[in-house]
Amino acid sequence: MATLYLFPTAEEAAGLLSRRPDLREQVAVIGVGQAAAAASAARLIAHRKPSCVVLGGIAGAFDGRLALCEVVAVVQDRVAFLPERYSKDYHASKVEGLTAVGSYTVNRTGEAASLCKHSPMPAVEQMEGAAVAALCQEMGVEHYYHLRAISNYVDDERSAWRIAEAVAALGERIATLKL
């Protein structure tokens, strides 16, 4: 199965590449935010035609049900604050052994906190997921996985974020992913 591994930043991709340099040709940096991620992912998927896409990155958790540096599988995602009639849930495959979470794709940190107060499943925020999920769905990608490592809780000061540790955990988990 041809797999494409997508990451918003080179730092997030480095966690995988340090463990699996043999995957270098299958790894791409797509940029931060919905527009950059969608544009880059569209070009890559159209050119490479993968049957499987794995999106990886860091995320902020909304509550203590998730531990810092825990790697989770985003199984449901939506763009925060679209009018309800335009809002849509996008889905990704579950990953055995990882906590399944819901997610909001946001434009800035903390933006979706009010939406997650009563979430039945643990929830995270990140900035690319719904865009890449929609694109994979529209382009007929057979298998889509979305993994995030928890770098912070949404209300944490930036200085408390554990980005390096989260990236290392993400890279380790994606390196051993059985697709």
Foldseek 3Di string as FASTA:
>chain_A
DQEAEEEQDPLLVVLQCVVCVVCVVRYDHQHFAAVSNLVSLLVVCVVVVALEYEYEEAWAWADDVDDALAKAWEAWEWEPPDPPVPIDIFGADHAPPHFYEHEYAYDDFPPCNVVCPPPPGTYIYGGHPVNNRVSCVVVVRNHYIYMYGYQYHRPDDPVSGNRNSNSNSRSVVVNPGDD
